[in-house]
Protein backbone atom coordinates (compact mmCIF):
# COMPACT_ATOMS: atom_id res chain seq x y z
CA GLN A 1 -28.37 -5.07 -21.60
CA ILE A 2 -26.20 -6.58 -24.35
CA PRO A 3 -27.24 -4.78 -27.50
CA CYS A 4 -27.95 -7.06 -30.38
CA PHE A 5 -26.93 -6.94 -33.61
CA ALA A 6 -28.52 -7.99 -36.92
CA ILE A 7 -26.60 -9.24 -39.26
CA THR A 8 -28.48 -10.19 -42.80
CA LEU A 9 -26.57 -13.15 -44.62
CA THR A 10 -27.87 -13.99 -48.13
CA GLN A 11 -27.30 -17.35 -49.75
CA ILE A 12 -24.59 -17.18 -52.39
CA LYS A 13 -24.56 -20.62 -54.30
CA THR A 14 -26.24 -24.25 -53.75
CA LEU A 15 -23.73 -26.65 -54.89
CA THR A 16 -25.58 -29.88 -56.13
CA GLY A 17 -23.37 -33.22 -56.86
CA HIS A 18 -24.51 -35.70 -53.83
CA THR A 19 -26.64 -38.28 -54.65
CA SER A 20 -26.93 -39.03 -51.20
CA ASN A 21 -26.82 -37.33 -47.23
CA VAL A 22 -23.91 -34.89 -47.08
CA ASN A 23 -22.34 -36.09 -43.85
CA THR A 24 -19.49 -33.32 -43.27
CA ILE A 25 -17.89 -30.69 -45.42
CA ALA A 26 -14.54 -28.57 -44.69
CA LEU A 27 -12.49 -25.68 -46.07
CA SER A 28 -9.40 -25.22 -47.33
CA PRO A 29 -6.70 -23.16 -44.75
CA ASP A 30 -6.56 -21.07 -48.51
CA ASN A 31 -10.19 -20.71 -49.19
CA LYS A 32 -9.83 -21.67 -52.80
CA ILE A 33 -11.25 -25.62 -51.78
CA LEU A 34 -14.27 -27.05 -50.05
CA ALA A 35 -14.01 -31.25 -49.13
CA SER A 36 -17.85 -32.91 -49.01
CA GLY A 37 -18.02 -36.32 -47.72
CA SER A 38 -20.90 -38.57 -47.99
CA ASN A 39 -23.28 -40.96 -47.93
CA ASP A 40 -23.16 -42.24 -51.50
CA THR A 41 -19.38 -43.13 -50.44
CA SER A 42 -17.84 -40.22 -52.72
CA ILE A 43 -15.81 -36.45 -51.44
CA ILE A 44 -16.14 -33.81 -54.57
CA ILE A 45 -13.87 -31.69 -54.41
CA TRP A 46 -15.26 -28.27 -54.87
CA ASP A 47 -13.74 -24.58 -56.68
CA MET A 48 -14.71 -22.12 -54.89
CA LYS A 49 -14.31 -19.77 -56.59
CA LYS A 50 -16.68 -20.70 -60.10
CA PHE A 51 -18.88 -23.43 -57.03
CA SER A 52 -18.12 -26.26 -59.27
CA ILE A 53 -16.58 -29.51 -59.67
CA LEU A 54 -13.32 -30.18 -59.27
CA LYS A 55 -13.09 -34.15 -58.62
CA ILE A 56 -15.63 -36.26 -57.52
CA ILE A 57 -13.34 -39.08 -55.48
CA LYS A 58 -14.86 -42.41 -55.11
CA ALA A 59 -12.05 -44.38 -52.54
CA HIS A 60 -14.06 -45.39 -49.79
CA THR A 61 -16.52 -48.58 -49.36
CA SER A 62 -18.90 -46.94 -47.91
CA ASN A 63 -20.12 -43.68 -46.02
CA VAL A 64 -17.83 -41.20 -45.68
CA ASN A 65 -18.69 -39.18 -41.99
CA SER A 66 -15.66 -36.57 -41.65
CA VAL A 67 -13.00 -34.56 -43.92
CA CYS A 68 -10.40 -31.90 -42.88
CA PHE A 69 -7.51 -30.05 -44.24
CA SER A 70 -4.22 -29.95 -41.95
CA PRO A 71 -3.70 -26.45 -41.27
CA ASP A 72 -0.45 -25.81 -43.85
CA ASN A 73 -3.36 -27.53 -46.77
CA LYS A 74 -0.49 -30.85 -46.93
CA TYR A 75 -3.30 -33.08 -46.98
CA PHE A 76 -6.24 -33.49 -46.17
CA ALA A 77 -7.44 -36.70 -44.99
CA SER A 78 -11.47 -38.17 -44.75
CA GLY A 79 -12.86 -40.77 -42.89
CA SER A 80 -15.54 -43.31 -43.09
CA THR A 81 -17.86 -46.72 -42.19
CA ASP A 82 -15.63 -48.40 -43.82
CA LYS A 83 -13.19 -48.29 -41.54
CA THR A 84 -10.29 -46.65 -42.85
CA ILE A 85 -8.69 -42.91 -42.56
CA LYS A 86 -7.75 -41.80 -46.20
CA ILE A 87 -4.76 -39.37 -46.54
CA TRP A 88 -5.01 -37.21 -49.85
CA ASN A 89 -3.43 -34.59 -51.72
CA PRO A 90 -5.04 -31.34 -52.04
CA LYS A 91 -3.08 -29.76 -54.91
CA THR A 92 -3.56 -33.13 -57.35
CA PHE A 93 -6.55 -35.29 -55.23
CA ALA A 94 -4.17 -38.31 -55.42
CA ASN A 95 -4.25 -40.86 -52.49
CA ILE A 96 -1.65 -40.64 -50.54
CA LYS A 97 -2.36 -43.43 -47.96
CA THR A 98 -4.79 -45.48 -46.34
CA LEU A 99 -4.58 -45.89 -42.67
CA LYS A 100 -6.21 -48.71 -40.71
CA GLY A 101 -6.56 -49.38 -37.40
CA HIS A 102 -9.65 -48.79 -36.17
CA SER A 103 -12.67 -52.14 -35.84
CA GLY A 104 -15.79 -49.55 -36.68
CA ALA A 105 -16.75 -46.67 -38.77
CA VAL A 106 -14.19 -42.89 -38.54
CA THR A 107 -17.23 -40.83 -37.58
CA THR A 108 -14.63 -37.80 -37.13
CA LEU A 109 -11.21 -36.60 -38.02
CA SER A 110 -9.16 -33.68 -36.94
CA PHE A 111 -5.44 -32.62 -37.76
CA SER A 112 -3.85 -30.66 -35.09
CA PRO A 113 -2.67 -27.02 -35.50
CA ASP A 114 0.83 -28.53 -36.17
CA GLY A 115 0.00 -30.26 -38.84
CA LYS A 116 1.75 -33.07 -37.53
CA THR A 117 -0.57 -35.09 -35.55
CA LEU A 118 -3.78 -36.48 -37.00
CA ALA A 119 -6.19 -37.45 -35.06
CA SER A 120 -9.51 -39.85 -35.27
CA GLY A 121 -12.42 -41.03 -33.76
CA SER A 122 -14.77 -43.79 -34.14
CA ASP A 123 -17.84 -45.56 -33.10
CA ASP A 124 -15.36 -48.93 -32.23
CA ASN A 125 -15.24 -45.50 -28.77
CA THR A 126 -11.94 -44.98 -29.64
CA ILE A 127 -9.73 -42.31 -30.26
CA LYS A 128 -6.18 -42.88 -32.07
CA LEU A 129 -3.59 -40.72 -32.61
CA TRP A 130 -1.58 -40.57 -36.10
CA ASP A 131 2.35 -39.43 -36.72
CA ILE A 132 1.47 -37.81 -40.10
CA ASN A 133 5.20 -37.61 -40.99
CA THR A 134 5.27 -41.81 -41.22
CA PHE A 135 1.89 -42.64 -41.40
CA LYS A 136 1.72 -44.75 -37.93
CA GLU A 137 -0.24 -44.54 -34.92
CA ILE A 138 0.98 -43.46 -32.17
CA THR A 139 -1.73 -44.50 -29.50
CA THR A 140 -5.48 -45.51 -29.06
CA LEU A 141 -7.18 -43.54 -26.34
CA ASN A 142 -10.22 -45.14 -24.52
CA GLY A 143 -11.98 -43.80 -21.65
CA HIS A 144 -15.94 -43.54 -23.61
CA SER A 145 -18.45 -45.89 -23.02
CA PHE A 146 -20.21 -44.85 -27.03
CA TYR A 147 -19.16 -43.69 -30.37
CA ILE A 148 -16.66 -40.78 -30.82
CA THR A 149 -19.00 -38.32 -32.15
CA CYS A 150 -16.34 -35.15 -32.63
CA VAL A 151 -12.45 -34.17 -31.97
CA ALA A 152 -10.99 -30.74 -31.80
CA PHE A 153 -7.77 -30.14 -30.26
CA SER A 154 -6.39 -26.68 -28.38
CA LYS A 155 -5.51 -24.11 -30.31
CA ASP A 156 -1.53 -24.67 -28.78
CA GLY A 157 -1.90 -28.76 -29.43
CA LYS A 158 -1.34 -29.60 -26.04
CA LYS A 159 -4.63 -31.12 -25.59
CA LEU A 160 -7.62 -33.03 -27.32
CA ALA A 161 -11.49 -32.45 -26.45
CA SER A 162 -13.39 -35.78 -27.40
CA SER A 163 -16.90 -36.28 -26.89
CA SER A 164 -19.69 -39.24 -27.46
CA HIS A 165 -23.08 -40.66 -27.24
CA SER A 166 -22.22 -41.32 -23.62
CA ASN A 167 -23.64 -37.25 -22.89
CA LEU A 168 -19.24 -36.50 -21.99
CA ILE A 169 -16.80 -34.59 -23.39
CA ASN A 170 -13.24 -35.83 -22.04
CA ILE A 171 -10.84 -33.73 -22.27
CA TRP A 172 -6.93 -35.17 -22.59
CA GLU A 173 -3.08 -34.03 -22.32
CA ILE A 174 -1.27 -34.84 -25.89
CA SER A 175 1.95 -35.49 -24.25
CA SER A 176 1.12 -38.00 -21.85
CA LYS A 177 -1.83 -39.29 -23.88
CA THR A 178 -4.12 -39.69 -20.42
CA LEU A 179 -7.56 -38.34 -19.09
CA VAL A 180 -6.78 -34.47 -17.52
CA LYS A 181 -8.30 -35.10 -14.12
């Protein structure tokens, strides 16, 4: 028999500021800020010490579906139904670059463990890999027949897992950019 341990969690704070559904949240690697994205088209940057709004960013023209931070905290990224990915400076909140390439909504984002590659999934049924040094598309991965719901890199950055509404999870070899057989 496996022993059970009871953990009591206490709610510290409720953060309010969005005017529509919150679709995504991401905590910065240094735990100082939280980014949230919403159907109200905004990204809110929250101070996690004061639990207050640092910045409201209105840069996307449609729902913000995904936000994530690079492991080195050099960038954070946002993906939207407007088919764009925006790369941000998490210290100044300045937009560094807008990435375009998906023909549908950007539904999910993930940085590689070394922070050099960004994976984006879309309702166009594709995954794109982006070089964060050049902000150029590396490749498009095709292998799902429905929209991508999640992408995640392995801890060593050599593989990428992707899921979709096709009831499948695909595992990709990053070096060869192919499905693992």
